Protein backbone atom coordinates (compact mmCIF):
# COMPACT_ATOMS: atom_id res chain seq x y z
CA MET A 1 202.91 140.38 126.17
CA VAL A 2 203.53 142.41 129.31
CA GLU A 3 201.58 141.30 132.52
CA GLU A 4 200.39 143.97 134.50
CA LYS A 5 201.08 143.71 138.17
CA LYS A 6 197.61 143.76 140.18
CA ILE A 7 197.64 145.92 143.33
CA GLU A 8 196.17 143.85 146.43
CA THR A 9 192.83 144.77 147.89
CA GLY A 10 193.12 146.74 150.98
CA ILE A 11 194.86 149.75 152.47
CA HIS A 12 198.22 151.13 151.31
CA LYS A 13 200.21 153.62 152.64
CA THR A 14 201.85 155.62 149.71
CA LYS A 15 202.85 159.24 148.47
CA VAL A 16 201.47 161.35 145.63
CA THR A 17 203.68 161.44 142.58
CA GLY A 18 201.62 163.29 139.84
CA TRP A 19 198.12 164.91 139.50
CA GLY A 20 196.04 166.83 136.97
CA ILE A 21 192.46 167.62 135.60
CA ARG A 22 191.25 165.79 132.57
CA GLU A 23 188.06 166.07 130.62
CA THR A 24 185.51 163.21 130.73
CA ASN A 25 183.84 161.55 127.82
CA ASN A 26 180.56 163.53 128.66
CA GLY A 27 182.45 166.89 128.85
CA GLY A 28 182.67 167.01 132.69
CA ALA A 29 186.00 167.55 134.79
CA GLN A 30 187.75 164.87 136.59
CA ILE A 31 190.63 165.30 139.10
CA TRP A 32 193.39 162.45 139.02
CA VAL A 33 196.04 161.74 141.47
CA ARG A 34 198.86 159.02 140.87
CA PHE A 35 200.61 157.47 143.80
CA ALA A 36 204.17 156.10 144.36
CA ASN A 37 202.44 152.44 143.82
CA ASN A 38 201.20 153.52 140.42
CA VAL A 39 197.48 153.46 141.62
CA ILE A 40 195.41 156.44 140.40
CA TRP A 41 192.46 157.83 142.14
CA PHE A 42 189.88 159.71 139.90
CA GLN A 43 187.15 162.01 141.26
CA ASN A 44 184.43 163.93 139.04
CA VAL A 45 184.02 167.57 139.93
CA ASN A 46 181.25 169.85 139.43
CA SER A 47 178.65 167.15 138.91
CA ASN A 48 177.12 167.05 142.43
CA ASN A 49 177.85 168.35 145.86
CA ILE A 50 178.68 164.97 147.34
CA GLY A 51 181.36 164.47 144.70
CA ASP A 52 182.75 167.81 145.22
CA GLU A 53 183.11 167.32 148.87
CA ILE A 54 184.68 164.00 148.15
CA ALA A 55 187.21 165.81 145.68
CA ALA A 56 188.04 168.57 148.11
CA ARG A 57 188.49 166.09 151.07
CA GLY A 58 190.55 163.73 148.99
CA LEU A 59 192.94 166.51 147.71
CA ILE A 60 193.66 167.66 151.25
CA LEU A 61 194.13 164.42 152.67
CA CYS A 62 196.74 163.99 149.87
CA GLY A 63 198.68 167.05 151.02
CA PHE A 64 197.02 169.66 148.43
CA LYS A 65 198.25 173.09 149.47
CA GLY A 66 195.95 175.07 147.11
CA ASN A 67 192.72 176.93 147.64
CA ASP A 68 190.91 175.95 144.35
CA LEU A 69 191.12 173.91 141.26
CA PRO A 70 193.35 176.24 139.37
CA ASP A 71 196.01 175.59 142.06
CA LEU A 72 196.36 172.02 140.65
CA PHE A 73 198.54 173.67 137.96
CA ASP A 74 201.12 174.80 140.31
CA ASP A 75 204.23 172.41 140.49
CA ASP A 76 204.29 172.42 144.17
CA CYS A 77 200.74 172.26 145.05
CA PHE A 78 201.13 169.05 146.97
CA ASP A 79 203.36 168.10 150.03
CA LEU A 80 205.13 165.15 148.25
CA ASN A 81 206.52 163.84 151.40
CA ARG A 82 203.10 163.32 153.10
CA ASP A 83 202.05 159.67 153.63
CA VAL A 84 198.58 158.97 152.25
CA GLU A 85 196.55 155.83 152.99
CA ILE A 86 194.43 154.71 150.14
CA TYR A 87 192.04 151.81 149.89
CA VAL A 88 192.04 149.64 146.82
CA GLN A 89 188.93 147.31 145.85
CA TYR A 90 187.87 145.62 142.85
CA LYS A 91 184.34 145.87 141.61
CA VAL A 92 182.61 144.55 138.40
CA ASN A 93 181.78 147.41 136.00
CA HIS A 94 179.24 147.65 133.51
CA GLU A 95 181.16 145.73 130.83
CA GLY A 96 181.42 142.70 133.36
CA ASN A 97 185.14 143.46 133.94
CA ASN A 98 186.87 143.73 137.43
CA GLN A 99 187.70 147.48 137.87
CA MET A 100 190.01 149.06 140.29
CA GLN A 101 188.46 151.42 142.71
CA VAL A 102 190.52 153.73 145.00
CA ASN A 103 189.33 155.71 147.89
CA ILE A 104 191.56 158.02 149.98
CA HIS A 105 191.25 157.12 153.60
CA ASP A 106 189.90 159.82 155.84
CA PRO A 107 190.66 159.26 159.46
CA SER A 108 188.06 161.75 160.68
CA ARG A 109 185.48 159.38 158.86
CA ASN A 110 186.50 156.81 161.62
CA GLN A 111 185.11 159.07 164.58
CA ILE A 112 182.12 157.55 166.33
CA LYS A 113 179.26 160.21 166.41
CA GLY A 114 178.62 161.16 169.80
CA ASN A 115 181.57 159.65 171.51
CA LEU A 116 182.36 160.98 174.91
CA ASP A 117 185.70 161.72 176.41
CA LYS A 118 186.78 160.19 179.60
CA ARG A 119 185.39 163.09 181.81
CA GLU A 120 182.24 163.16 179.95
CA GLY A 121 181.90 159.54 179.87
CA LEU A 122 182.26 159.08 183.64
CA LYS A 123 179.95 161.90 184.57
CA PHE A 124 177.32 160.34 182.10
CA ILE A 125 177.64 156.69 183.45
CA LYS A 126 177.27 158.25 186.94
CA SER A 127 174.22 160.15 186.15
CA ILE A 128 172.48 157.27 184.76
CA LYS A 129 173.57 154.79 187.35
CA ALA A 130 174.72 152.29 184.64
CA THR A 131 176.75 149.38 186.06
CA LEU A 132 177.76 146.26 184.46
CA LYS A 133 179.74 144.82 187.66
CA MET A 134 177.63 141.68 188.13
CA ASP A 135 177.44 141.07 184.28
CA PHE A 136 181.29 141.24 184.16
CA LYS A 137 181.58 138.81 187.31
CA LYS A 138 179.33 136.34 185.54
CA ALA A 139 181.14 136.70 182.25
CA LYS A 140 184.48 136.01 183.70
CA GLY A 141 183.10 133.01 185.52
CA ASP A 142 181.75 131.81 182.13
CA ILE A 143 184.65 132.36 180.04
CA SER A 144 187.66 129.98 180.33
CA ASP A 145 190.76 131.82 179.71
CA ASN A 146 193.24 128.94 179.23
CA GLY A 147 195.44 131.68 177.71
CA LYS A 148 193.21 131.90 174.71
CA GLY A 149 190.12 133.94 175.94
CA VAL A 150 187.76 131.26 174.51
CA ALA A 151 184.46 130.63 176.00
CA ASP A 152 183.88 126.98 177.31
CA GLU A 153 182.46 124.79 174.92
CA PRO A 154 178.92 123.17 175.98
CA LYS A 155 179.52 119.52 176.72
CA ALA A 156 177.49 116.88 175.09
CA LYS A 157 174.91 115.12 177.25
CA THR A 158 175.69 111.55 178.20
CA GLU A 159 173.18 108.97 179.68
CA ASP A 160 174.30 109.85 183.14
CA ASP A 161 173.32 113.47 182.44
CA PHE A 162 169.86 112.59 181.25
CA ASP A 163 167.14 114.79 182.69
CA ASP A 164 163.76 113.08 182.76
CA THR A 165 162.08 116.52 182.74
CA GLU A 166 162.95 116.79 179.01
CA ILE A 167 160.63 114.13 178.04
CA PRO A 168 157.83 115.55 175.88
CA PHE A 169 154.90 113.41 177.33
């Protein structure tokens, strides 16, 4: 019996080695892309707008040079030297088995909506007169660096530290 090597959960940098389109069991179309680490990404197309957007973005991130689905049949439709980041995770499927799920990492999805560049940020901070100067001063006083950057632990009270104002009667 041949034991199949399990790909670890996480982000993997790899390259495209194969691709195509296949028909699903319900008669739909599904794109597949194989990577150098033998992981395969599948994405249904023509079933909803979100799936089609995911398919288009995924293909472009993989180095697809074409303009539409028929271009997937061209031998040179991908940049095979391009590094692609994929995210592998496992989820339990409807049959109760762990099934690998693969997503193409899209760096543009890491952007924070409304993020200001340095010039815009400084202008904005000045316009709303925002400052944390005193808060930083207090935080620096409260946090003991000791080379670790860890906050001081509160000390347990001893009999000498007893405060009679804490008596509830």
